[in-house]
Amino acid sequence: MPYDTRLSTKDEAAFQVWAKRQTNAAGGNVIGDLPVYDVRGLYLALGGKNVDPTKHGTDKYKKPTHPTFSDESIYHSKETPGGRWGNVGGKDVFYASPHNVKTLGVQGLQQFFKENEDGVQLVLPPNISLLDLLGIKK
């Protein structure tokens, strides 16, 4: 996949052990995040050390398919521009990019924020089309 860090056979075996350890420690499914997060990139960046299960992961390895893919990701580009995190009056804000809307649709983004980003305000791009608002893929 174009947004996956490639590992040698030896590193991949070590990554699989690490991923299982992280899954057990966090109670989530690290491998299940692969479609939206470059977990292998995170693994290399951490040098195989454990993830702190009490902290939110960095945006650095979010793929363009992640609902909160942002300009902080290594995969942010002109072709796949991410949204932008901000803070207004002490409140976290996510300024979605047209790419975020294209990936999930307006309703999908709103639902994701309702279920997963408690207290974060979602700001949609200013030039959003009626098709985007209705969730119709172009």
C-alpha atoms as a PDB file:
ATOM      1  CA  MET A   1       0.000   0.000   0.000  1.00  0.00           C
ATOM      2  CA  PRO A   2       1.289   3.470  -0.789  1.00  0.00           C
ATOM      3  CA  TYR A   3       0.894   4.757   2.768  1.00  0.00           C
ATOM      4  CA  ASP A   4       2.573   1.919   4.624  1.00  0.00           C
ATOM      5  CA  THR A   5       6.132   1.921   5.902  1.00  0.00           C
ATOM      6  CA  ARG A   6       7.910  -1.111   4.490  1.00  0.00           C
ATOM      7  CA  LEU A   7       9.809  -3.352   6.852  1.00  0.00           C
ATOM      8  CA  SER A   8      12.368  -6.067   6.280  1.00  0.00           C
ATOM      9  CA  THR A   9      11.241  -9.633   6.973  1.00  0.00           C
ATOM     10  CA  LYS A  10      13.041  -9.532  10.321  1.00  0.00           C
ATOM     11  CA  ASP A  11      11.533  -6.165  11.277  1.00  0.00           C
ATOM     12  CA  GLU A  12       8.067  -7.297  10.175  1.00  0.00           C
ATOM     13  CA  ALA A  13       8.259 -10.312  12.494  1.00  0.00           C
ATOM     14  CA  ALA A  14       9.304  -8.041  15.370  1.00  0.00           C
ATOM     15  CA  PHE A  15       6.532  -5.586  14.441  1.00  0.00           C
ATOM     16  CA  GLN A  16       3.898  -8.355  14.627  1.00  0.00           C
ATOM     17  CA  VAL A  17       5.052  -9.262  18.157  1.00  0.00           C
ATOM     18  CA  TRP A  18       5.071  -5.569  19.130  1.00  0.00           C
ATOM     19  CA  ALA A  19       1.605  -4.993  17.642  1.00  0.00           C
ATOM     20  CA  LYS A  20       0.166  -7.916  19.594  1.00  0.00           C
ATOM     21  CA  ARG A  21       1.757  -6.571  22.793  1.00  0.00           C
ATOM     22  CA  GLN A  22       0.281  -3.095  22.130  1.00  0.00           C
ATOM     23  CA  THR A  23      -3.136  -4.564  21.401  1.00  0.00           C
ATOM     24  CA  ASN A  24      -3.110  -6.508  24.650  1.00  0.00           C
ATOM     25  CA  ALA A  25      -1.907  -3.494  26.669  1.00  0.00           C
ATOM     26  CA  ALA A  26      -4.353  -0.990  25.182  1.00  0.00           C
ATOM     27  CA  GLY A  27      -7.327  -3.291  24.829  1.00  0.00           C
ATOM     28  CA  GLY A  28      -7.763  -2.169  21.216  1.00  0.00           C
ATOM     29  CA  ASN A  29      -6.734  -3.657  17.909  1.00  0.00           C
ATOM     30  CA  VAL A  30      -3.524  -2.066  16.647  1.00  0.00           C
ATOM     31  CA  ILE A  31      -3.569  -4.123  13.441  1.00  0.00           C
ATOM     32  CA  GLY A  32      -7.160  -2.969  12.903  1.00  0.00           C
ATOM     33  CA  ASP A  33      -5.826   0.603  12.603  1.00  0.00           C
ATOM     34  CA  LEU A  34      -3.697  -0.261   9.545  1.00  0.00           C
ATOM     35  CA  PRO A  35      -6.233   1.007   6.975  1.00  0.00           C
ATOM     36  CA  VAL A  36      -6.117   4.503   8.495  1.00  0.00           C
ATOM     37  CA  TYR A  37      -2.786   4.682  10.356  1.00  0.00           C
ATOM     38  CA  ASP A  38       0.790   3.767   9.399  1.00  0.00           C
ATOM     39  CA  VAL A  39       1.347   1.652  12.493  1.00  0.00           C
ATOM     40  CA  ARG A  40       4.629   0.323  11.094  1.00  0.00           C
ATOM     41  CA  GLY A  41       5.944   3.880  10.803  1.00  0.00           C
ATOM     42  CA  LEU A  42       5.005   4.503  14.434  1.00  0.00           C
ATOM     43  CA  TYR A  43       6.692   1.244  15.443  1.00  0.00           C
ATOM     44  CA  LEU A  44       9.964   2.329  13.809  1.00  0.00           C
ATOM     45  CA  ALA A  45       9.732   5.825  15.289  1.00  0.00           C
ATOM     46  CA  LEU A  46       9.296   4.360  18.767  1.00  0.00           C
ATOM     47  CA  GLY A  47      12.188   1.965  18.256  1.00  0.00           C
ATOM     48  CA  GLY A  48       9.933  -0.905  19.298  1.00  0.00           C
ATOM     49  CA  LYS A  49       9.075   0.713  22.642  1.00  0.00           C
ATOM     50  CA  ASN A  50       5.547   0.532  23.990  1.00  0.00           C
ATOM     51  CA  VAL A  51       2.912   3.113  23.174  1.00  0.00           C
ATOM     52  CA  ASP A  52       1.552   4.978  26.184  1.00  0.00           C
ATOM     53  CA  PRO A  53      -2.064   3.727  26.263  1.00  0.00           C
ATOM     54  CA  THR A  54      -3.168   6.830  28.188  1.00  0.00           C
ATOM     55  CA  LYS A  55      -2.132   9.194  25.380  1.00  0.00           C
ATOM     56  CA  HIS A  56      -3.619   9.925  21.978  1.00  0.00           C
ATOM     57  CA  GLY A  57      -1.447   8.876  19.053  1.00  0.00           C
ATOM     58  CA  THR A  58       0.383  11.428  16.983  1.00  0.00           C
ATOM     59  CA  ASP A  59      -1.049  12.672  13.683  1.00  0.00           C
ATOM     60  CA  LYS A  60       2.343  12.082  12.063  1.00  0.00           C
ATOM     61  CA  TYR A  61       1.414   8.623  10.739  1.00  0.00           C
ATOM     62  CA  LYS A  62      -2.269   9.161   9.929  1.00  0.00           C
ATOM     63  CA  LYS A  63      -3.107   8.098   6.398  1.00  0.00           C
ATOM     64  CA  PRO A  64      -5.323  10.139   4.054  1.00  0.00           C
ATOM     65  CA  THR A  65      -8.142   7.691   4.868  1.00  0.00           C
ATOM     66  CA  HIS A  66      -8.188   8.667   8.573  1.00  0.00           C
ATOM     67  CA  PRO A  67     -11.157  10.891   9.515  1.00  0.00           C
ATOM     68  CA  THR A  68      -8.845  13.425  11.210  1.00  0.00           C
ATOM     69  CA  PHE A  69      -6.041  13.204   8.650  1.00  0.00           C
ATOM     70  CA  SER A  70      -4.221  16.490   9.098  1.00  0.00           C
ATOM     71  CA  ASP A  71      -1.414  18.690   7.838  1.00  0.00           C
ATOM     72  CA  GLU A  72       0.709  17.181  10.634  1.00  0.00           C
ATOM     73  CA  SER A  73       0.869  13.837   8.795  1.00  0.00           C
ATOM     74  CA  ILE A  74       3.868  12.781   6.730  1.00  0.00           C
ATOM     75  CA  TYR A  75       1.328  11.889   4.016  1.00  0.00           C
ATOM     76  CA  HIS A  76      -0.155  15.395   3.796  1.00  0.00           C
ATOM     77  CA  SER A  77       0.465  16.727   0.280  1.00  0.00           C
ATOM     78  CA  LYS A  78      -0.991  18.908  -2.437  1.00  0.00           C
ATOM     79  CA  GLU A  79      -2.819  15.827  -3.770  1.00  0.00           C
ATOM     80  CA  THR A  80      -4.095  14.765  -0.335  1.00  0.00           C
ATOM     81  CA  PRO A  81      -4.302  17.887   1.838  1.00  0.00           C
ATOM     82  CA  GLY A  82      -5.144  17.188   5.441  1.00  0.00           C
ATOM     83  CA  GLY A  83      -7.258  19.257   7.759  1.00  0.00           C
ATOM     84  CA  ARG A  84      -5.785  21.473  10.445  1.00  0.00           C
ATOM     85  CA  TRP A  85      -6.009  21.343  14.235  1.00  0.00           C
ATOM     86  CA  GLY A  86      -6.492  24.559  16.121  1.00  0.00           C
ATOM     87  CA  ASN A  87      -7.618  25.962  19.416  1.00  0.00           C
ATOM     88  CA  VAL A  88     -10.138  28.755  19.848  1.00  0.00           C
ATOM     89  CA  GLY A  89     -10.782  30.088  23.309  1.00  0.00           C
ATOM     90  CA  GLY A  90      -9.329  26.979  24.924  1.00  0.00           C
ATOM     91  CA  LYS A  91     -11.443  24.636  22.804  1.00  0.00           C
ATOM     92  CA  ASP A  92      -9.956  22.202  20.278  1.00  0.00           C
ATOM     93  CA  VAL A  93     -11.097  22.741  16.708  1.00  0.00           C
ATOM     94  CA  PHE A  94     -10.561  20.611  13.590  1.00  0.00           C
ATOM     95  CA  TYR A  95     -10.725  22.518  10.304  1.00  0.00           C
ATOM     96  CA  ALA A  96     -11.583  19.789   7.819  1.00  0.00           C
ATOM     97  CA  SER A  97     -10.062  19.954   4.361  1.00  0.00           C
ATOM     98  CA  PRO A  98     -11.986  19.167   1.173  1.00  0.00           C
ATOM     99  CA  HIS A  99     -10.064  15.858   1.202  1.00  0.00           C
ATOM    100  CA  ASN A 100     -11.477  14.973   4.652  1.00  0.00           C
ATOM    101  CA  VAL A 101     -14.979  15.663   3.336  1.00  0.00           C
ATOM    102  CA  LYS A 102     -14.337  13.665   0.159  1.00  0.00           C
ATOM    103  CA  THR A 103     -13.115  10.681   2.194  1.00  0.00           C
ATOM    104  CA  LEU A 104     -16.010  10.409   4.672  1.00  0.00           C
ATOM    105  CA  GLY A 105     -18.650  12.848   3.508  1.00  0.00           C
ATOM    106  CA  VAL A 106     -20.109  15.549   5.714  1.00  0.00           C
ATOM    107  CA  GLN A 107     -22.406  13.198   7.606  1.00  0.00           C
ATOM    108  CA  GLY A 108     -19.611  10.672   8.108  1.00  0.00           C
ATOM    109  CA  LEU A 109     -17.296  13.333   9.538  1.00  0.00           C
ATOM    110  CA  GLN A 110     -20.011  14.704  11.791  1.00  0.00           C
ATOM    111  CA  GLN A 111     -20.821  11.211  13.059  1.00  0.00           C
ATOM    112  CA  PHE A 112     -17.126  10.423  13.648  1.00  0.00           C
ATOM    113  CA  PHE A 113     -16.665  13.600  15.695  1.00  0.00           C
ATOM    114  CA  LYS A 114     -19.842  12.940  17.668  1.00  0.00           C
ATOM    115  CA  GLU A 115     -18.661   9.420  18.571  1.00  0.00           C
ATOM    116  CA  ASN A 116     -14.870   9.869  18.847  1.00  0.00           C
ATOM    117  CA  GLU A 117     -13.840  13.493  19.318  1.00  0.00           C
ATOM    118  CA  ASP A 118     -15.822  14.622  22.341  1.00  0.00           C
ATOM    119  CA  GLY A 119     -15.512  18.353  22.868  1.00  0.00           C
ATOM    120  CA  VAL A 120     -13.802  19.026  19.525  1.00  0.00           C
ATOM    121  CA  GLN A 121     -15.533  21.440  17.179  1.00  0.00           C
ATOM    122  CA  LEU A 122     -15.614  20.358  13.528  1.00  0.00           C
ATOM    123  CA  VAL A 123     -15.356  23.199  11.012  1.00  0.00           C
ATOM    124  CA  LEU A 124     -16.203  22.268   7.429  1.00  0.00           C
ATOM    125  CA  PRO A 125     -14.471  23.851   4.426  1.00  0.00           C
ATOM    126  CA  PRO A 126     -16.170  27.046   3.192  1.00  0.00           C
ATOM    127  CA  ASN A 127     -16.667  25.930  -0.422  1.00  0.00           C
ATOM    128  CA  ILE A 128     -18.529  22.704   0.158  1.00  0.00           C
ATOM    129  CA  SER A 129     -20.894  21.493  -2.557  1.00  0.00           C
ATOM    130  CA  LEU A 130     -24.481  20.351  -2.213  1.00  0.00           C
ATOM    131  CA  LEU A 131     -23.358  16.861  -3.278  1.00  0.00           C
ATOM    132  CA  ASP A 132     -20.890  16.812  -0.371  1.00  0.00           C
ATOM    133  CA  LEU A 133     -23.572  17.959   2.060  1.00  0.00           C
ATOM    134  CA  LEU A 134     -25.874  15.179   0.869  1.00  0.00           C
ATOM    135  CA  GLY A 135     -23.076  12.607   1.071  1.00  0.00           C
ATOM    136  CA  ILE A 136     -23.195  11.840  -2.665  1.00  0.00           C
ATOM    137  CA  LYS A 137     -19.858  10.695  -4.099  1.00  0.00           C
ATOM    138  CA  LYS A 138     -18.877  12.513  -7.292  1.00  0.00           C
END
